[in-house]
Amino acid sequence: MDVDTRYMARALQLAAAGMGNASPNPMVGTVVVAADGTIIGEGYHRRCGGPHAEVNAIASVRRRELLAQSTVYVTLEPCSHYGKTPPCAKLLIESNVRRVVVGAADPFPQVSGRGVAMLRAAGIEVVEGVLEDECRALNARFMTAHTLQRPWVTLKWAQSADGFLDDDRPDGHPYRFSNALTALTAHRLRALHDAILVGSGTILADHPRLDCRCWPGHNPQPVVLDRSRRLCAGDFSTAVPPMVLGCTDLADDLRELYRRGITSVLVEGGSRILAEFVAADLWDAARVETAPVRFANHGRAAAPTLPCAPVKTVRIEGNRIDFFARNYPESVKNL
């Protein structure tokens, strides 16, 4: 492993510490290395609205005189615009650093290429693309959202071993496929997404809370597709007031969510909604939990079929969880 790769790997470790808190901003890590190879500063983007990774890393440097001969490793191109914080590219220029090593370019239109251009115009040596695939995979949701102008879409469902989402139970309540441990991981998945989406049928049938009460973290924004406009305020039991959409086209719905600042959405709808996302080719990852039960002739609502093989499978107390990814297969290790 060469020197630049080694320090960028450390920056990636730092960036991952912001998981669940940085969104809708990207997870970013920064390492400041003196001329003799000593790490003199580190930082990561802790939460949306807070200081960026570069700011935290530069602030952690005690011997400021060492910055003039230092190399800064950052997993994502430093920002070049004024948002909730000043431009990080400007900070690096003012800190008089000698060299900046960038993992991946920022696809956000207000930054893309401009941060690197600012640094080079100031006479700073810039190296790009170190551990680029790993840096992009860590921020697969951010990359996808700002490249395609729609949120990263994760499909999630649980099914019987013979592929049904429910059975014909006399009490009318949905069958619970998850066990205590898999329910925890499902709520963790909710906490890692900006929004959670269901259809109006799920709201009327189950009155779900759509929160992550079994896992520490922020509750995702509930999104409900109500194309027939049959819901009223009294139908909702969500922890957060829902965002109700009524478009007849999923692509339009996703573009609207992106316009509202949502970069990732977890789809937990019923069979019709899930199948619609699959048929429209509007999904990026999926988590499918299979319980060791068969419904046979009592099965109701067939589960969707995905056109690819899982990239990861885990087993938890008898249940199997398969993870699928159409792009950025490395991203599933964060699900």
C-alpha atoms as a PDB file:
ATOM      1  CA  MET A   1       0.000   0.000   0.000  1.00  0.00           C
ATOM      2  CA  ASP A   2       1.522   3.343  -1.043  1.00  0.00           C
ATOM      3  CA  VAL A   3       1.559   6.387   1.197  1.00  0.00           C
ATOM      4  CA  ASP A   4      -1.409   8.189  -0.365  1.00  0.00           C
ATOM      5  CA  THR A   5      -3.554   5.043  -0.250  1.00  0.00           C
ATOM      6  CA  ARG A   6      -2.685   4.427   3.406  1.00  0.00           C
ATOM      7  CA  TYR A   7      -3.718   7.893   4.563  1.00  0.00           C
ATOM      8  CA  MET A   8      -6.844   7.914   2.373  1.00  0.00           C
ATOM      9  CA  ALA A   9      -7.860   4.613   3.965  1.00  0.00           C
ATOM     10  CA  ARG A  10      -7.658   6.332   7.342  1.00  0.00           C
ATOM     11  CA  ALA A  11      -9.748   9.235   6.020  1.00  0.00           C
ATOM     12  CA  LEU A  12     -12.396   6.709   4.930  1.00  0.00           C
ATOM     13  CA  GLN A  13     -12.482   5.231   8.444  1.00  0.00           C
ATOM     14  CA  LEU A  14     -13.125   8.691   9.824  1.00  0.00           C
ATOM     15  CA  ALA A  15     -15.791   9.481   7.231  1.00  0.00           C
ATOM     16  CA  ALA A  16     -17.816   6.389   8.153  1.00  0.00           C
ATOM     17  CA  ALA A  17     -18.170   7.721  11.713  1.00  0.00           C
ATOM     18  CA  GLY A  18     -20.698  10.231  10.354  1.00  0.00           C
ATOM     19  CA  MET A  19     -23.082   7.505   9.169  1.00  0.00           C
ATOM     20  CA  GLY A  20     -26.652   8.228  10.157  1.00  0.00           C
ATOM     21  CA  ASN A  21     -25.976  11.859  11.109  1.00  0.00           C
ATOM     22  CA  ALA A  22     -24.386  13.573   8.093  1.00  0.00           C
ATOM     23  CA  SER A  23     -27.235  13.018   5.606  1.00  0.00           C
ATOM     24  CA  PRO A  24     -28.369  14.629   3.384  1.00  0.00           C
ATOM     25  CA  ASN A  25     -24.775  15.826   3.302  1.00  0.00           C
ATOM     26  CA  PRO A  26     -22.106  13.271   2.377  1.00  0.00           C
ATOM     27  CA  MET A  27     -19.913  11.445   4.867  1.00  0.00           C
ATOM     28  CA  VAL A  28     -16.430  12.956   4.603  1.00  0.00           C
ATOM     29  CA  GLY A  29     -13.180  12.291   6.423  1.00  0.00           C
ATOM     30  CA  THR A  30      -9.980  14.341   6.410  1.00  0.00           C
ATOM     31  CA  VAL A  31      -6.422  13.595   7.529  1.00  0.00           C
ATOM     32  CA  VAL A  32      -3.639  16.207   7.735  1.00  0.00           C
ATOM     33  CA  VAL A  33      -0.127  14.809   7.382  1.00  0.00           C
ATOM     34  CA  ALA A  34       3.077  16.735   8.058  1.00  0.00           C
ATOM     35  CA  ALA A  35       6.133  16.587   5.788  1.00  0.00           C
ATOM     36  CA  ASP A  36       7.713  13.862   7.940  1.00  0.00           C
ATOM     37  CA  GLY A  37       4.661  11.591   7.563  1.00  0.00           C
ATOM     38  CA  THR A  38       3.189  12.323  10.990  1.00  0.00           C
ATOM     39  CA  ILE A  39      -0.579  12.738  11.237  1.00  0.00           C
ATOM     40  CA  ILE A  40      -1.106  16.147  12.819  1.00  0.00           C
ATOM     41  CA  GLY A  41      -4.847  16.545  12.340  1.00  0.00           C
ATOM     42  CA  GLU A  42      -7.995  14.530  11.729  1.00  0.00           C
ATOM     43  CA  GLY A  43     -11.689  15.249  11.377  1.00  0.00           C
ATOM     44  CA  TYR A  44     -14.955  14.093   9.873  1.00  0.00           C
ATOM     45  CA  HIS A  45     -18.341  15.602   9.092  1.00  0.00           C
ATOM     46  CA  ARG A  46     -20.260  14.802  12.264  1.00  0.00           C
ATOM     47  CA  ARG A  47     -23.723  16.071  11.372  1.00  0.00           C
ATOM     48  CA  CYS A  48     -25.608  18.022   8.737  1.00  0.00           C
ATOM     49  CA  GLY A  49     -25.296  21.737   9.403  1.00  0.00           C
ATOM     50  CA  GLY A  50     -22.128  21.301  11.474  1.00  0.00           C
ATOM     51  CA  PRO A  51     -18.512  21.983  10.470  1.00  0.00           C
ATOM     52  CA  HIS A  52     -17.211  19.990   7.536  1.00  0.00           C
ATOM     53  CA  ALA A  53     -14.462  17.398   7.840  1.00  0.00           C
ATOM     54  CA  GLU A  54     -11.750  19.780   6.612  1.00  0.00           C
ATOM     55  CA  VAL A  55     -12.734  22.398   9.180  1.00  0.00           C
ATOM     56  CA  ASN A  56     -12.577  19.896  12.030  1.00  0.00           C
ATOM     57  CA  ALA A  57      -9.262  18.484  10.821  1.00  0.00           C
ATOM     58  CA  ILE A  58      -7.534  21.856  10.429  1.00  0.00           C
ATOM     59  CA  ALA A  59      -8.888  22.989  13.805  1.00  0.00           C
ATOM     60  CA  SER A  60      -7.304  19.924  15.430  1.00  0.00           C
ATOM     61  CA  VAL A  61      -3.782  20.858  14.269  1.00  0.00           C
ATOM     62  CA  ARG A  62      -1.822  22.214  17.229  1.00  0.00           C
ATOM     63  CA  ARG A  63       1.363  23.278  15.453  1.00  0.00           C
ATOM     64  CA  ARG A  64      -0.044  25.522  12.760  1.00  0.00           C
ATOM     65  CA  GLU A  65       3.402  26.222  11.291  1.00  0.00           C
ATOM     66  CA  LEU A  66       3.479  22.626  10.002  1.00  0.00           C
ATOM     67  CA  LEU A  67       0.540  23.240   7.668  1.00  0.00           C
ATOM     68  CA  ALA A  68       2.719  24.972   5.078  1.00  0.00           C
ATOM     69  CA  GLN A  69       4.445  21.682   4.240  1.00  0.00           C
ATOM     70  CA  SER A  70       1.504  19.383   4.906  1.00  0.00           C
ATOM     71  CA  THR A  71      -0.644  17.134   2.736  1.00  0.00           C
ATOM     72  CA  VAL A  72      -4.401  17.026   3.328  1.00  0.00           C
ATOM     73  CA  TYR A  73      -6.268  13.814   2.490  1.00  0.00           C
ATOM     74  CA  VAL A  74     -10.006  14.237   1.976  1.00  0.00           C
ATOM     75  CA  THR A  75     -12.429  11.554   0.794  1.00  0.00           C
ATOM     76  CA  LEU A  76     -14.582  13.973  -1.225  1.00  0.00           C
ATOM     77  CA  GLU A  77     -13.701  17.067  -3.215  1.00  0.00           C
ATOM     78  CA  PRO A  78     -13.640  20.130  -0.903  1.00  0.00           C
ATOM     79  CA  CYS A  79     -16.680  22.349  -1.353  1.00  0.00           C
ATOM     80  CA  SER A  80     -16.287  25.620  -3.211  1.00  0.00           C
ATOM     81  CA  HIS A  81     -19.521  27.435  -2.371  1.00  0.00           C
ATOM     82  CA  TYR A  82     -21.106  29.155   0.594  1.00  0.00           C
ATOM     83  CA  GLY A  83     -23.855  26.995   2.070  1.00  0.00           C
ATOM     84  CA  LYS A  84     -24.448  26.482   5.776  1.00  0.00           C
ATOM     85  CA  THR A  85     -20.667  26.820   6.156  1.00  0.00           C
ATOM     86  CA  PRO A  86     -17.952  28.679   4.196  1.00  0.00           C
ATOM     87  CA  PRO A  87     -16.095  26.908   1.347  1.00  0.00           C
ATOM     88  CA  CYS A  88     -13.618  24.284   2.536  1.00  0.00           C
ATOM     89  CA  ALA A  89     -11.421  24.877  -0.521  1.00  0.00           C
ATOM     90  CA  LYS A  90     -11.004  28.472   0.668  1.00  0.00           C
ATOM     91  CA  LEU A  91     -10.048  27.260   4.139  1.00  0.00           C
ATOM     92  CA  LEU A  92      -7.340  24.975   2.742  1.00  0.00           C
ATOM     93  CA  ILE A  93      -5.961  27.811   0.644  1.00  0.00           C
ATOM     94  CA  GLU A  94      -5.910  30.161   3.637  1.00  0.00           C
ATOM     95  CA  SER A  95      -4.232  27.440   5.714  1.00  0.00           C
ATOM     96  CA  ASN A  96      -1.391  27.457   3.164  1.00  0.00           C
ATOM     97  CA  VAL A  97      -1.288  23.675   2.774  1.00  0.00           C
ATOM     98  CA  ARG A  98       1.144  22.327   0.175  1.00  0.00           C
ATOM     99  CA  ARG A  99      -0.783  19.397  -1.272  1.00  0.00           C
ATOM    100  CA  VAL A 100      -4.331  18.006  -1.290  1.00  0.00           C
ATOM    101  CA  VAL A 101      -5.217  14.394  -2.134  1.00  0.00           C
ATOM    102  CA  VAL A 102      -8.877  13.861  -3.092  1.00  0.00           C
ATOM    103  CA  GLY A 103     -10.675  10.528  -3.065  1.00  0.00           C
ATOM    104  CA  ALA A 104     -13.691  11.299  -5.283  1.00  0.00           C
ATOM    105  CA  ALA A 105     -15.119  14.259  -7.154  1.00  0.00           C
ATOM    106  CA  ASP A 106     -18.271  15.845  -5.731  1.00  0.00           C
ATOM    107  CA  PRO A 107     -21.255  15.404  -8.102  1.00  0.00           C
ATOM    108  CA  PHE A 108     -23.179  18.276  -6.463  1.00  0.00           C
ATOM    109  CA  PRO A 109     -23.583  20.855  -9.269  1.00  0.00           C
ATOM    110  CA  GLN A 110     -22.407  23.797  -7.138  1.00  0.00           C
ATOM    111  CA  VAL A 111     -19.148  22.008  -6.342  1.00  0.00           C
ATOM    112  CA  SER A 112     -18.315  19.498  -9.092  1.00  0.00           C
ATOM    113  CA  GLY A 113     -14.776  20.304 -10.241  1.00  0.00           C
ATOM    114  CA  ARG A 114     -14.815  23.805  -8.800  1.00  0.00           C
ATOM    115  CA  GLY A 115     -13.220  22.879  -5.480  1.00  0.00           C
ATOM    116  CA  VAL A 116     -10.246  21.248  -7.191  1.00  0.00           C
ATOM    117  CA  ALA A 117      -9.993  24.167  -9.637  1.00  0.00           C
ATOM    118  CA  MET A 118      -9.847  26.666  -6.746  1.00  0.00           C
ATOM    119  CA  LEU A 119      -7.033  24.747  -5.077  1.00  0.00           C
ATOM    120  CA  ARG A 120      -4.972  24.471  -8.256  1.00  0.00           C
ATOM    121  CA  ALA A 121      -5.513  28.130  -9.090  1.00  0.00           C
ATOM    122  CA  ALA A 122      -3.998  28.949  -5.692  1.00  0.00           C
ATOM    123  CA  GLY A 123      -0.876  26.922  -6.521  1.00  0.00           C
ATOM    124  CA  ILE A 124      -1.732  23.881  -4.396  1.00  0.00           C
ATOM    125  CA  GLU A 125      -0.782  20.491  -5.817  1.00  0.00           C
ATOM    126  CA  VAL A 126      -3.898  18.291  -6.155  1.00  0.00           C
ATOM    127  CA  VAL A 127      -3.986  14.523  -6.660  1.00  0.00           C
ATOM    128  CA  GLU A 128      -7.361  12.992  -7.519  1.00  0.00           C
ATOM    129  CA  GLY A 129      -8.893   9.530  -7.539  1.00  0.00           C
ATOM    130  CA  VAL A 130      -7.083   7.828  -4.640  1.00  0.00           C
ATOM    131  CA  LEU A 131      -9.338   4.953  -3.444  1.00  0.00           C
ATOM    132  CA  GLU A 132     -12.008   6.524  -5.627  1.00  0.00           C
ATOM    133  CA  ASP A 133     -14.255   3.445  -5.804  1.00  0.00           C
ATOM    134  CA  GLU A 134     -14.254   3.074  -2.023  1.00  0.00           C
ATOM    135  CA  CYS A 135     -14.941   6.782  -1.509  1.00  0.00           C
ATOM    136  CA  ARG A 136     -17.833   6.713  -3.962  1.00  0.00           C
ATOM    137  CA  ALA A 137     -19.291   3.526  -2.455  1.00  0.00           C
ATOM    138  CA  LEU A 138     -19.303   5.040   1.040  1.00  0.00           C
ATOM    139  CA  ASN A 139     -21.467   7.871  -0.285  1.00  0.00           C
ATOM    140  CA  ALA A 140     -23.451   5.844  -2.818  1.00  0.00           C
ATOM    141  CA  ARG A 141     -26.689   7.561  -1.795  1.00  0.00           C
ATOM    142  CA  PHE A 142     -25.261  11.062  -2.125  1.00  0.00           C
ATOM    143  CA  MET A 143     -23.574  10.183  -5.422  1.00  0.00           C
ATOM    144  CA  THR A 144     -26.724   8.674  -6.879  1.00  0.00           C
ATOM    145  CA  ALA A 145     -29.006  11.492  -5.752  1.00  0.00           C
ATOM    146  CA  HIS A 146     -26.929  14.277  -7.273  1.00  0.00           C
ATOM    147  CA  THR A 147     -26.089  12.350 -10.432  1.00  0.00           C
ATOM    148  CA  LEU A 148     -29.615  11.157 -11.263  1.00  0.00           C
ATOM    149  CA  GLN A 149     -31.569  13.942  -9.475  1.00  0.00           C
ATOM    150  CA  ARG A 150     -33.561  11.373  -7.521  1.00  0.00           C
ATOM    151  CA  PRO A 151     -33.049   9.719  -4.145  1.00  0.00           C
ATOM    152  CA  TRP A 152     -31.176   6.460  -3.696  1.00  0.00           C
ATOM    153  CA  VAL A 153     -33.942   3.842  -3.440  1.00  0.00           C
ATOM    154  CA  THR A 154     -33.700   0.827  -1.129  1.00  0.00           C
ATOM    155  CA  LEU A 155     -36.482  -1.752  -1.338  1.00  0.00           C
ATOM    156  CA  LYS A 156     -37.259  -3.693   1.832  1.00  0.00           C
ATOM    157  CA  TRP A 157     -39.637  -6.535   2.484  1.00  0.00           C
ATOM    158  CA  ALA A 158     -40.006  -9.762   4.447  1.00  0.00           C
ATOM    159  CA  GLN A 159     -41.453 -12.923   2.964  1.00  0.00           C
ATOM    160  CA  SER A 160     -42.238 -16.570   3.530  1.00  0.00           C
ATOM    161  CA  ALA A 161     -39.930 -19.277   2.219  1.00  0.00           C
ATOM    162  CA  ASP A 162     -42.351 -19.796  -0.674  1.00  0.00           C
ATOM    163  CA  GLY A 163     -42.394 -16.114  -1.596  1.00  0.00           C
ATOM    164  CA  PHE A 164     -45.482 -14.537  -0.030  1.00  0.00           C
ATOM    165  CA  LEU A 165     -45.719 -11.254   1.873  1.00  0.00           C
ATOM    166  CA  ASP A 166     -48.672 -12.356   3.990  1.00  0.00           C
ATOM    167  CA  ASP A 167     -51.226 -15.091   4.548  1.00  0.00           C
ATOM    168  CA  ASP A 168     -54.984 -15.210   5.002  1.00  0.00           C
ATOM    169  CA  ARG A 169     -55.127 -14.928   8.783  1.00  0.00           C
ATOM    170  CA  PRO A 170     -58.541 -14.909  10.481  1.00  0.00           C
ATOM    171  CA  ASP A 171     -57.686 -11.890  12.646  1.00  0.00           C
ATOM    172  CA  GLY A 172     -56.715  -9.786   9.635  1.00  0.00           C
ATOM    173  CA  HIS A 173     -53.366  -8.752  11.140  1.00  0.00           C
ATOM    174  CA  PRO A 174     -50.230  -9.000   8.976  1.00  0.00           C
ATOM    175  CA  TYR A 175     -47.932 -11.946   9.587  1.00  0.00           C
ATOM    176  CA  ARG A 176     -44.725 -11.059  11.457  1.00  0.00           C
ATOM    177  CA  PHE A 177     -41.755 -12.593   9.672  1.00  0.00           C
ATOM    178  CA  SER A 178     -39.046 -10.761  11.635  1.00  0.00           C
ATOM    179  CA  ASN A 179     -37.632 -11.960  14.919  1.00  0.00           C
ATOM    180  CA  ALA A 180     -36.359  -9.661  17.677  1.00  0.00           C
ATOM    181  CA  LEU A 181     -32.858  -9.349  16.217  1.00  0.00           C
ATOM    182  CA  THR A 182     -33.831  -8.890  12.584  1.00  0.00           C
ATOM    183  CA  ALA A 183     -36.333  -6.225  13.681  1.00  0.00           C
ATOM    184  CA  LEU A 184     -33.412  -4.308  15.210  1.00  0.00           C
ATOM    185  CA  THR A 185     -31.487  -4.395  11.949  1.00  0.00           C
ATOM    186  CA  ALA A 186     -34.592  -3.279  10.062  1.00  0.00           C
ATOM    187  CA  HIS A 187     -34.960  -0.232  12.293  1.00  0.00           C
ATOM    188  CA  ARG A 188     -31.259   0.515  11.874  1.00  0.00           C
ATOM    189  CA  LEU A 189     -31.889   0.545   8.126  1.00  0.00           C
ATOM    190  CA  ARG A 190     -34.658   3.094   8.639  1.00  0.00           C
ATOM    191  CA  ALA A 191     -32.294   5.319  10.609  1.00  0.00           C
ATOM    192  CA  LEU A 192     -29.845   5.303   7.674  1.00  0.00           C
ATOM    193  CA  HIS A 193     -32.373   6.754   5.223  1.00  0.00           C
ATOM    194  CA  ASP A 194     -33.763  10.259   4.870  1.00  0.00           C
ATOM    195  CA  ALA A 195     -37.269   9.014   4.142  1.00  0.00           C
ATOM    196  CA  ILE A 196     -39.461   5.911   4.330  1.00  0.00           C
ATOM    197  CA  LEU A 197     -42.159   5.328   1.701  1.00  0.00           C
ATOM    198  CA  VAL A 198     -45.379   3.301   1.745  1.00  0.00           C
ATOM    199  CA  GLY A 199     -48.643   3.335  -0.166  1.00  0.00           C
ATOM    200  CA  SER A 200     -52.054   4.416   1.065  1.00  0.00           C
ATOM    201  CA  GLY A 201     -53.117   0.769   1.348  1.00  0.00           C
ATOM    202  CA  THR A 202     -50.429   0.087   3.954  1.00  0.00           C
ATOM    203  CA  ILE A 203     -51.530   3.131   5.946  1.00  0.00           C
ATOM    204  CA  LEU A 204     -55.168   2.031   5.993  1.00  0.00           C
ATOM    205  CA  ALA A 205     -54.438  -1.630   6.715  1.00  0.00           C
ATOM    206  CA  ASP A 206     -51.611  -1.404   9.272  1.00  0.00           C
ATOM    207  CA  HIS A 207     -51.487   2.206  10.566  1.00  0.00           C
ATOM    208  CA  PRO A 208     -47.679   1.958  10.812  1.00  0.00           C
ATOM    209  CA  ARG A 209     -45.569   4.353  12.881  1.00  0.00           C
ATOM    210  CA  LEU A 210     -42.715   4.273  10.326  1.00  0.00           C
ATOM    211  CA  ASP A 211     -40.086   5.252  12.901  1.00  0.00           C
ATOM    212  CA  CYS A 212     -36.858   3.696  14.178  1.00  0.00           C
ATOM    213  CA  ARG A 213     -37.944   3.211  17.798  1.00  0.00           C
ATOM    214  CA  CYS A 214     -35.888   0.004  18.095  1.00  0.00           C
ATOM    215  CA  TRP A 215     -32.637   1.696  17.079  1.00  0.00           C
ATOM    216  CA  PRO A 216     -31.011   4.978  18.183  1.00  0.00           C
ATOM    217  CA  GLY A 217     -31.100   7.547  15.415  1.00  0.00           C
ATOM    218  CA  HIS A 218     -33.314  10.031  13.649  1.00  0.00           C
ATOM    219  CA  ASN A 219     -36.737   9.036  12.397  1.00  0.00           C
ATOM    220  CA  PRO A 220     -36.973   9.067   8.599  1.00  0.00           C
ATOM    221  CA  GLN A 221     -39.462  11.365   6.921  1.00  0.00           C
ATOM    222  CA  PRO A 222     -42.623   9.327   6.184  1.00  0.00           C
ATOM    223  CA  VAL A 223     -43.732   9.535   2.546  1.00  0.00           C
ATOM    224  CA  VAL A 224     -47.100   8.173   1.447  1.00  0.00           C
ATOM    225  CA  LEU A 225     -48.200   7.591  -2.133  1.00  0.00           C
ATOM    226  CA  ASP A 226     -51.918   8.385  -2.192  1.00  0.00           C
ATOM    227  CA  ARG A 227     -52.824   8.515  -5.848  1.00  0.00           C
ATOM    228  CA  SER A 228     -56.545   8.117  -5.288  1.00  0.00           C
ATOM    229  CA  ARG A 229     -56.488  10.760  -2.518  1.00  0.00           C
ATOM    230  CA  ARG A 230     -58.408   8.534  -0.131  1.00  0.00           C
ATOM    231  CA  LEU A 231     -56.499   9.351   3.069  1.00  0.00           C
ATOM    232  CA  CYS A 232     -57.357  11.905   5.733  1.00  0.00           C
ATOM    233  CA  ALA A 233     -55.374  13.206   8.711  1.00  0.00           C
ATOM    234  CA  GLY A 234     -56.952  10.689  11.093  1.00  0.00           C
ATOM    235  CA  ASP A 235     -55.544   7.749   9.121  1.00  0.00           C
ATOM    236  CA  PHE A 236     -51.938   8.433  10.095  1.00  0.00           C
ATOM    237  CA  SER A 237     -50.114   7.009  13.114  1.00  0.00           C
ATOM    238  CA  THR A 238     -46.639   8.067  11.994  1.00  0.00           C
ATOM    239  CA  ALA A 239     -44.156   9.545  14.460  1.00  0.00           C
ATOM    240  CA  VAL A 240     -43.517  12.444  12.052  1.00  0.00           C
ATOM    241  CA  PRO A 241     -46.203  14.159   9.913  1.00  0.00           C
ATOM    242  CA  PRO A 242     -46.109  12.428   6.518  1.00  0.00           C
ATOM    243  CA  MET A 243     -45.338  13.903   3.146  1.00  0.00           C
ATOM    244  CA  VAL A 244     -48.185  12.851   0.868  1.00  0.00           C
ATOM    245  CA  LEU A 245     -47.570  12.545  -2.869  1.00  0.00           C
ATOM    246  CA  GLY A 246     -50.162  11.874  -5.532  1.00  0.00           C
ATOM    247  CA  CYS A 247     -48.342  11.676  -8.856  1.00  0.00           C
ATOM    248  CA  THR A 248     -49.175   8.803 -11.190  1.00  0.00           C
ATOM    249  CA  ASP A 249     -45.542   8.414 -12.221  1.00  0.00           C
ATOM    250  CA  LEU A 250     -42.876   7.090  -9.807  1.00  0.00           C
ATOM    251  CA  ALA A 251     -40.106   8.986 -11.559  1.00  0.00           C
ATOM    252  CA  ASP A 252     -41.976  12.244 -10.936  1.00  0.00           C
ATOM    253  CA  ASP A 253     -42.489  11.310  -7.281  1.00  0.00           C
ATOM    254  CA  LEU A 254     -38.775  10.653  -6.855  1.00  0.00           C
ATOM    255  CA  ARG A 255     -37.812  13.891  -8.569  1.00  0.00           C
ATOM    256  CA  GLU A 256     -40.129  15.733  -6.179  1.00  0.00           C
ATOM    257  CA  LEU A 257     -38.484  14.080  -3.180  1.00  0.00           C
ATOM    258  CA  TYR A 258     -35.060  15.113  -4.493  1.00  0.00           C
ATOM    259  CA  ARG A 259     -36.325  18.664  -4.971  1.00  0.00           C
ATOM    260  CA  ARG A 260     -37.332  18.628  -1.296  1.00  0.00           C
ATOM    261  CA  GLY A 261     -33.828  17.642  -0.207  1.00  0.00           C
ATOM    262  CA  ILE A 262     -34.296  13.886   0.272  1.00  0.00           C
ATOM    263  CA  THR A 263     -31.304  11.875  -0.982  1.00  0.00           C
ATOM    264  CA  SER A 264     -32.317   8.369   0.140  1.00  0.00           C
ATOM    265  CA  VAL A 265     -35.638   6.608   0.570  1.00  0.00           C
ATOM    266  CA  LEU A 266     -36.513   3.214   2.032  1.00  0.00           C
ATOM    267  CA  VAL A 267     -39.530   1.651   0.326  1.00  0.00           C
ATOM    268  CA  GLU A 268     -41.578  -0.522   2.707  1.00  0.00           C
ATOM    269  CA  GLY A 269     -44.780  -0.589   0.741  1.00  0.00           C
ATOM    270  CA  GLY A 270     -46.977  -3.560  -0.081  1.00  0.00           C
ATOM    271  CA  SER A 271     -46.566  -5.901  -3.030  1.00  0.00           C
ATOM    272  CA  ARG A 272     -48.043  -3.467  -5.561  1.00  0.00           C
ATOM    273  CA  ILE A 273     -45.771  -0.561  -4.647  1.00  0.00           C
ATOM    274  CA  LEU A 274     -42.676  -2.778  -4.471  1.00  0.00           C
ATOM    275  CA  ALA A 275     -43.448  -4.413  -7.808  1.00  0.00           C
ATOM    276  CA  GLU A 276     -43.978  -0.999  -9.369  1.00  0.00           C
ATOM    277  CA  PHE A 277     -40.507   0.160  -8.336  1.00  0.00           C
ATOM    278  CA  VAL A 278     -38.961  -3.037  -9.700  1.00  0.00           C
ATOM    279  CA  ALA A 279     -40.875  -2.826 -12.990  1.00  0.00           C
ATOM    280  CA  ALA A 280     -39.916   0.833 -13.427  1.00  0.00           C
ATOM    281  CA  ASP A 281     -36.246  -0.017 -12.799  1.00  0.00           C
ATOM    282  CA  LEU A 282     -36.211   2.636 -10.073  1.00  0.00           C
ATOM    283  CA  TRP A 283     -34.273   0.960  -7.287  1.00  0.00           C
ATOM    284  CA  ASP A 284     -30.644   0.795  -6.204  1.00  0.00           C
ATOM    285  CA  ALA A 285     -30.519  -1.712  -3.335  1.00  0.00           C
ATOM    286  CA  ALA A 286     -32.804  -4.169  -1.599  1.00  0.00           C
ATOM    287  CA  ARG A 287     -33.030  -6.012   1.715  1.00  0.00           C
ATOM    288  CA  VAL A 288     -35.149  -9.156   1.569  1.00  0.00           C
ATOM    289  CA  GLU A 289     -35.775 -11.144   4.744  1.00  0.00           C
ATOM    290  CA  THR A 290     -37.018 -14.716   4.391  1.00  0.00           C
ATOM    291  CA  ALA A 291     -38.523 -16.586   7.324  1.00  0.00           C
ATOM    292  CA  PRO A 292     -38.622 -20.429   7.497  1.00  0.00           C
ATOM    293  CA  VAL A 293     -42.383 -20.656   7.042  1.00  0.00           C
ATOM    294  CA  ARG A 294     -44.468 -21.709   4.061  1.00  0.00           C
ATOM    295  CA  PHE A 295     -48.018 -20.527   3.327  1.00  0.00           C
ATOM    296  CA  ALA A 296     -48.761 -22.655   0.253  1.00  0.00           C
ATOM    297  CA  ASN A 297     -52.437 -22.179  -0.682  1.00  0.00           C
ATOM    298  CA  HIS A 298     -52.924 -19.685   2.155  1.00  0.00           C
ATOM    299  CA  GLY A 299     -50.308 -17.280   0.815  1.00  0.00           C
ATOM    300  CA  ARG A 300     -51.397 -13.778  -0.085  1.00  0.00           C
ATOM    301  CA  ALA A 301     -49.553 -11.056  -2.037  1.00  0.00           C
ATOM    302  CA  ALA A 302     -46.623 -12.586  -3.884  1.00  0.00           C
ATOM    303  CA  ALA A 303     -43.248 -10.978  -3.243  1.00  0.00           C
ATOM    304  CA  PRO A 304     -41.507  -9.207  -6.132  1.00  0.00           C
ATOM    305  CA  THR A 305     -38.769 -10.966  -8.082  1.00  0.00           C
ATOM    306  CA  LEU A 306     -35.494  -9.099  -8.502  1.00  0.00           C
ATOM    307  CA  PRO A 307     -33.536  -9.506 -11.757  1.00  0.00           C
ATOM    308  CA  CYS A 308     -30.184 -10.185 -10.079  1.00  0.00           C
ATOM    309  CA  ALA A 309     -28.512 -12.335  -7.456  1.00  0.00           C
ATOM    310  CA  PRO A 310     -27.833 -11.102  -3.903  1.00  0.00           C
ATOM    311  CA  VAL A 311     -24.388  -9.668  -3.237  1.00  0.00           C
ATOM    312  CA  LYS A 312     -24.490 -10.553   0.469  1.00  0.00           C
ATOM    313  CA  THR A 313     -26.458 -12.987   2.630  1.00  0.00           C
ATOM    314  CA  VAL A 314     -26.623 -13.203   6.425  1.00  0.00           C
ATOM    315  CA  ARG A 315     -28.574 -15.523   8.721  1.00  0.00           C
ATOM    316  CA  ILE A 316     -30.022 -14.360  12.021  1.00  0.00           C
ATOM    317  CA  GLU A 317     -31.829 -16.823  14.289  1.00  0.00           C
ATOM    318  CA  GLY A 318     -33.210 -18.905  11.451  1.00  0.00           C
ATOM    319  CA  ASN A 319     -34.112 -16.031   9.127  1.00  0.00           C
ATOM    320  CA  ARG A 320     -32.128 -15.318   5.977  1.00  0.00           C
ATOM    321  CA  ILE A 321     -31.493 -11.744   4.840  1.00  0.00           C
ATOM    322  CA  ASP A 322     -30.382 -11.212   1.251  1.00  0.00           C
ATOM    323  CA  PHE A 323     -28.923  -7.887   0.144  1.00  0.00           C
ATOM    324  CA  PHE A 324     -29.074  -6.793  -3.483  1.00  0.00           C
ATOM    325  CA  ALA A 325     -27.344  -3.862  -5.173  1.00  0.00           C
ATOM    326  CA  ARG A 326     -27.615  -2.702  -8.763  1.00  0.00           C
ATOM    327  CA  ASN A 327     -24.862  -0.114  -8.386  1.00  0.00           C
ATOM    328  CA  TYR A 328     -22.132   0.333  -5.794  1.00  0.00           C
ATOM    329  CA  PRO A 329     -22.235  -3.285  -4.515  1.00  0.00           C
ATOM    330  CA  GLU A 330     -19.828  -2.318  -1.717  1.00  0.00           C
ATOM    331  CA  SER A 331     -22.542  -0.067  -0.298  1.00  0.00           C
ATOM    332  CA  VAL A 332     -24.563  -3.021   1.012  1.00  0.00           C
ATOM    333  CA  LYS A 333     -22.095  -3.553   3.838  1.00  0.00           C
ATOM    334  CA  ASN A 334     -23.589  -0.380   5.350  1.00  0.00           C
ATOM    335  CA  LEU A 335     -27.167  -1.743   5.233  1.00  0.00           C
END
